[in-house]
C-alpha atoms as a PDB file:
ATOM      1  CA  UNK A   1      93.925 103.567 106.779  1.00  0.00           C
ATOM      2  CA  UNK A   2      93.904 102.819 110.470  1.00  0.00           C
ATOM      3  CA  UNK A   3      96.323 105.001 111.185  1.00  0.00           C
ATOM      4  CA  UNK A   4      94.257 108.394 109.750  1.00  0.00           C
ATOM      5  CA  UNK A   5      91.337 106.907 111.973  1.00  0.00           C
ATOM      6  CA  UNK A   6      93.287 107.159 114.975  1.00  0.00           C
ATOM      7  CA  UNK A   7      94.787 110.554 113.423  1.00  0.00           C
ATOM      8  CA  UNK A   8      91.224 111.563 113.408  1.00  0.00           C
ATOM      9  CA  UNK A   9      90.020 110.114 116.315  1.00  0.00           C
ATOM     10  CA  UNK A  10      93.026 112.044 118.167  1.00  0.00           C
ATOM     11  CA  UNK A  11      92.180 115.100 116.739  1.00  0.00           C
ATOM     12  CA  UNK A  12      88.620 114.893 117.502  1.00  0.00           C
ATOM     13  CA  UNK A  13      89.437 114.096 120.902  1.00  0.00           C
ATOM     14  CA  UNK A  14      91.339 116.826 121.831  1.00  0.00           C
ATOM     15  CA  UNK A  15      88.875 119.065 120.156  1.00  0.00           C
ATOM     16  CA  UNK A  16      86.049 117.607 122.273  1.00  0.00           C
ATOM     17  CA  UNK A  17      84.056 117.199 118.750  1.00  0.00           C
ATOM     18  CA  UNK A  18      82.181 114.490 120.743  1.00  0.00           C
ATOM     19  CA  UNK A  19      80.503 113.422 117.561  1.00  0.00           C
ATOM     20  CA  UNK A  20      83.683 112.828 115.988  1.00  0.00           C
ATOM     21  CA  UNK A  21      84.866 111.302 118.518  1.00  0.00           C
ATOM     22  CA  UNK A  22      82.219 108.728 119.108  1.00  0.00           C
ATOM     23  CA  UNK A  23      82.707 107.622 115.009  1.00  0.00           C
ATOM     24  CA  UNK A  24      86.578 107.578 114.839  1.00  0.00           C
ATOM     25  CA  UNK A  25      86.298 105.074 118.200  1.00  0.00           C
ATOM     26  CA  UNK A  26      83.809 102.965 116.904  1.00  0.00           C
ATOM     27  CA  UNK A  27      85.891 102.532 113.897  1.00  0.00           C
ATOM     28  CA  UNK A  28      89.334 101.711 115.425  1.00  0.00           C
ATOM     29  CA  UNK A  29      87.568  99.025 117.523  1.00  0.00           C
ATOM     30  CA  UNK A  30      86.163  97.565 114.489  1.00  0.00           C
ATOM     31  CA  UNK A  31      89.446  97.848 112.937  1.00  0.00           C
ATOM     32  CA  UNK A  32      91.561  97.228 116.036  1.00  0.00           C
ATOM     33  CA  UNK A  33      95.107  95.308 115.096  1.00  0.00           C
ATOM     34  CA  UNK A  34      95.263  92.374 117.145  1.00  0.00           C
ATOM     35  CA  UNK A  35      99.192  92.416 116.436  1.00  0.00           C
ATOM     36  CA  UNK A  36     101.530  95.190 116.747  1.00  0.00           C
ATOM     37  CA  UNK A  37     104.712  95.632 115.423  1.00  0.00           C
ATOM     38  CA  UNK A  38     105.409  99.015 117.468  1.00  0.00           C
ATOM     39  CA  UNK A  39     104.926  99.117 121.415  1.00  0.00           C
ATOM     40  CA  UNK A  40     104.419 103.024 120.964  1.00  0.00           C
ATOM     41  CA  UNK A  41     101.498 102.315 117.965  1.00  0.00           C
ATOM     42  CA  UNK A  42      99.192 100.493 120.738  1.00  0.00           C
ATOM     43  CA  UNK A  43      99.941 102.155 124.155  1.00  0.00           C
ATOM     44  CA  UNK A  44      99.073 105.811 122.662  1.00  0.00           C
ATOM     45  CA  UNK A  45      96.082 103.802 120.975  1.00  0.00           C
ATOM     46  CA  UNK A  46      95.045 102.413 124.094  1.00  0.00           C
ATOM     47  CA  UNK A  47      95.544 105.011 125.864  1.00  0.00           C
ATOM     48  CA  UNK A  48      93.980 107.545 123.277  1.00  0.00           C
ATOM     49  CA  UNK A  49      90.707 105.207 122.810  1.00  0.00           C
ATOM     50  CA  UNK A  50      90.050 104.557 127.193  1.00  0.00           C
ATOM     51  CA  UNK A  51      89.788 107.977 127.815  1.00  0.00           C
ATOM     52  CA  UNK A  52      87.608 108.361 124.695  1.00  0.00           C
ATOM     53  CA  UNK A  53      85.594 105.923 125.781  1.00  0.00           C
ATOM     54  CA  UNK A  54      85.410 107.175 129.123  1.00  0.00           C
ATOM     55  CA  UNK A  55      84.178 110.313 127.587  1.00  0.00           C
ATOM     56  CA  UNK A  56      81.643 108.809 125.328  1.00  0.00           C
ATOM     57  CA  UNK A  57      79.792 107.028 128.459  1.00  0.00           C
ATOM     58  CA  UNK A  58      79.218 110.048 130.298  1.00  0.00           C
ATOM     59  CA  UNK A  59      77.098 111.632 127.421  1.00  0.00           C
ATOM     60  CA  UNK A  60      75.793 108.193 126.414  1.00  0.00           C
ATOM     61  CA  UNK A  61      75.450 106.077 129.519  1.00  0.00           C
ATOM     62  CA  UNK A  62      76.001 102.940 127.313  1.00  0.00           C
ATOM     63  CA  UNK A  63      77.489  99.987 129.491  1.00  0.00           C
ATOM     64  CA  UNK A  64      80.033  99.353 126.623  1.00  0.00           C
ATOM     65  CA  UNK A  65      81.703 102.303 126.363  1.00  0.00           C
ATOM     66  CA  UNK A  66      82.387 102.076 130.036  1.00  0.00           C
ATOM     67  CA  UNK A  67      83.575  98.326 129.616  1.00  0.00           C
ATOM     68  CA  UNK A  68      85.569  99.357 126.965  1.00  0.00           C
ATOM     69  CA  UNK A  69      87.669 102.108 128.657  1.00  0.00           C
ATOM     70  CA  UNK A  70      88.218  99.707 131.539  1.00  0.00           C
ATOM     71  CA  UNK A  71      89.303  96.674 129.579  1.00  0.00           C
ATOM     72  CA  UNK A  72      91.649  99.039 128.055  1.00  0.00           C
ATOM     73  CA  UNK A  73      92.865 101.121 131.348  1.00  0.00           C
ATOM     74  CA  UNK A  74      94.173  97.522 132.587  1.00  0.00           C
ATOM     75  CA  UNK A  75      96.300  96.666 129.591  1.00  0.00           C
ATOM     76  CA  UNK A  76      97.614 100.253 130.712  1.00  0.00           C
ATOM     77  CA  UNK A  77      98.067  98.584 134.187  1.00  0.00           C
ATOM     78  CA  UNK A  78     100.067  96.041 132.825  1.00  0.00           C
ATOM     79  CA  UNK A  79     102.828  98.332 131.102  1.00  0.00           C
ATOM     80  CA  UNK A  80     102.761 100.349 134.133  1.00  0.00           C
ATOM     81  CA  UNK A  81     103.554  97.145 135.918  1.00  0.00           C
ATOM     82  CA  UNK A  82     106.339  96.611 133.675  1.00  0.00           C
ATOM     83  CA  UNK A  83     107.753 100.200 132.949  1.00  0.00           C
ATOM     84  CA  UNK A  84     106.393 102.581 136.001  1.00  0.00           C
ATOM     85  CA  UNK A  85     108.112 105.556 134.841  1.00  0.00           C
ATOM     86  CA  UNK A  86     106.971 106.160 131.261  1.00  0.00           C
ATOM     87  CA  UNK A  87     103.389 105.230 132.232  1.00  0.00           C
ATOM     88  CA  UNK A  88     102.382 105.280 135.504  1.00  0.00           C
ATOM     89  CA  UNK A  89     101.238 108.991 135.285  1.00  0.00           C
ATOM     90  CA  UNK A  90      99.048 107.667 132.035  1.00  0.00           C
ATOM     91  CA  UNK A  91      97.604 104.783 134.192  1.00  0.00           C
ATOM     92  CA  UNK A  92      96.036 107.398 137.148  1.00  0.00           C
ATOM     93  CA  UNK A  93      95.019 109.299 134.191  1.00  0.00           C
ATOM     94  CA  UNK A  94      92.516 106.413 132.768  1.00  0.00           C
ATOM     95  CA  UNK A  95      91.758 105.640 136.298  1.00  0.00           C
ATOM     96  CA  UNK A  96      90.514 109.220 137.730  1.00  0.00           C
ATOM     97  CA  UNK A  97      88.551 108.735 133.877  1.00  0.00           C
ATOM     98  CA  UNK A  98      86.869 105.726 134.961  1.00  0.00           C
ATOM     99  CA  UNK A  99      86.348 106.999 138.761  1.00  0.00           C
ATOM    100  CA  UNK A 100      85.173 110.515 137.224  1.00  0.00           C
ATOM    101  CA  UNK A 101      82.630 108.176 134.620  1.00  0.00           C
ATOM    102  CA  UNK A 102      81.096 106.154 137.780  1.00  0.00           C
ATOM    103  CA  UNK A 103      80.843 109.441 139.260  1.00  0.00           C
ATOM    104  CA  UNK A 104      83.554 108.621 142.058  1.00  0.00           C
ATOM    105  CA  UNK A 105      84.708 112.479 142.795  1.00  0.00           C
ATOM    106  CA  UNK A 106      86.385 111.555 145.323  1.00  0.00           C
ATOM    107  CA  UNK A 107      88.654 108.735 143.897  1.00  0.00           C
ATOM    108  CA  UNK A 108      88.854 110.972 140.623  1.00  0.00           C
ATOM    109  CA  UNK A 109      90.265 113.806 142.504  1.00  0.00           C
ATOM    110  CA  UNK A 110      92.604 111.402 143.829  1.00  0.00           C
ATOM    111  CA  UNK A 111      94.021 109.826 140.753  1.00  0.00           C
ATOM    112  CA  UNK A 112      94.022 113.342 139.046  1.00  0.00           C
ATOM    113  CA  UNK A 113      96.561 114.913 141.223  1.00  0.00           C
ATOM    114  CA  UNK A 114      98.600 111.443 140.890  1.00  0.00           C
ATOM    115  CA  UNK A 115      98.626 111.789 136.997  1.00  0.00           C
ATOM    116  CA  UNK A 116      99.874 115.524 137.720  1.00  0.00           C
ATOM    117  CA  UNK A 117     102.140 114.624 139.791  1.00  0.00           C
ATOM    118  CA  UNK A 118     103.834 111.441 138.333  1.00  0.00           C
ATOM    119  CA  UNK A 119     103.534 113.638 134.830  1.00  0.00           C
ATOM    120  CA  UNK A 120     105.445 116.368 136.876  1.00  0.00           C
ATOM    121  CA  UNK A 121     108.090 114.403 138.674  1.00  0.00           C
ATOM    122  CA  UNK A 122     108.757 112.316 135.435  1.00  0.00           C
ATOM    123  CA  UNK A 123     108.993 115.214 133.407  1.00  0.00           C
ATOM    124  CA  UNK A 124     106.491 114.184 130.848  1.00  0.00           C
ATOM    125  CA  UNK A 125     104.962 118.041 130.081  1.00  0.00           C
ATOM    126  CA  UNK A 126     102.493 116.719 127.463  1.00  0.00           C
ATOM    127  CA  UNK A 127     101.153 114.292 130.132  1.00  0.00           C
ATOM    128  CA  UNK A 128     100.645 117.051 132.335  1.00  0.00           C
ATOM    129  CA  UNK A 129      99.026 119.245 130.412  1.00  0.00           C
ATOM    130  CA  UNK A 130      96.354 116.916 129.541  1.00  0.00           C
ATOM    131  CA  UNK A 131      96.472 115.541 132.820  1.00  0.00           C
ATOM    132  CA  UNK A 132      95.528 119.278 133.998  1.00  0.00           C
ATOM    133  CA  UNK A 133      93.132 119.860 131.174  1.00  0.00           C
ATOM    134  CA  UNK A 134      91.372 116.773 132.041  1.00  0.00           C
ATOM    135  CA  UNK A 135      91.246 117.931 135.916  1.00  0.00           C
ATOM    136  CA  UNK A 136      89.914 120.851 134.722  1.00  0.00           C
ATOM    137  CA  UNK A 137      87.385 119.661 132.689  1.00  0.00           C
ATOM    138  CA  UNK A 138      86.250 117.081 136.058  1.00  0.00           C
ATOM    139  CA  UNK A 139      86.153 120.703 138.353  1.00  0.00           C
ATOM    140  CA  UNK A 140      83.963 122.365 136.225  1.00  0.00           C
ATOM    141  CA  UNK A 141      81.460 119.390 135.150  1.00  0.00           C
ATOM    142  CA  UNK A 142      80.955 118.482 139.101  1.00  0.00           C
ATOM    143  CA  UNK A 143      80.843 122.404 139.810  1.00  0.00           C
ATOM    144  CA  UNK A 144      83.957 122.803 141.660  1.00  0.00           C
ATOM    145  CA  UNK A 145      84.520 125.686 139.380  1.00  0.00           C
ATOM    146  CA  UNK A 146      87.087 127.193 141.620  1.00  0.00           C
ATOM    147  CA  UNK A 147      89.373 124.091 141.865  1.00  0.00           C
ATOM    148  CA  UNK A 148      89.877 124.159 137.440  1.00  0.00           C
END
């Protein structure tokens, strides 16, 4: 089922299992539901699939993944405009991952900092945790271990 596929995508992404993340993200896009009953199901899938797409792009340099990540980030921007309190930190995190993917490191750092700031300000500690984790991975990958 699509729900089980998404669950497997989420678990593989969190565990940084690249092969499984790529596999389940591809399956998710093949079975993308066009109409959603619950907003919760839609925004979280959009968020995780965008994160996964940017990560896959950084590992493969296959432009389709960058395009998909940006397409999904644009959807998150629309939600951010309609409910900034709930989504601004997620949008900044996707923005950071997009900049990281394009090797725009200064912009990425600023966006990671914004994601962490708004997650803390809005008391979404689980968003703050993933923002800090991804900012740390970014710092490690660009050779700034002291920042991670």
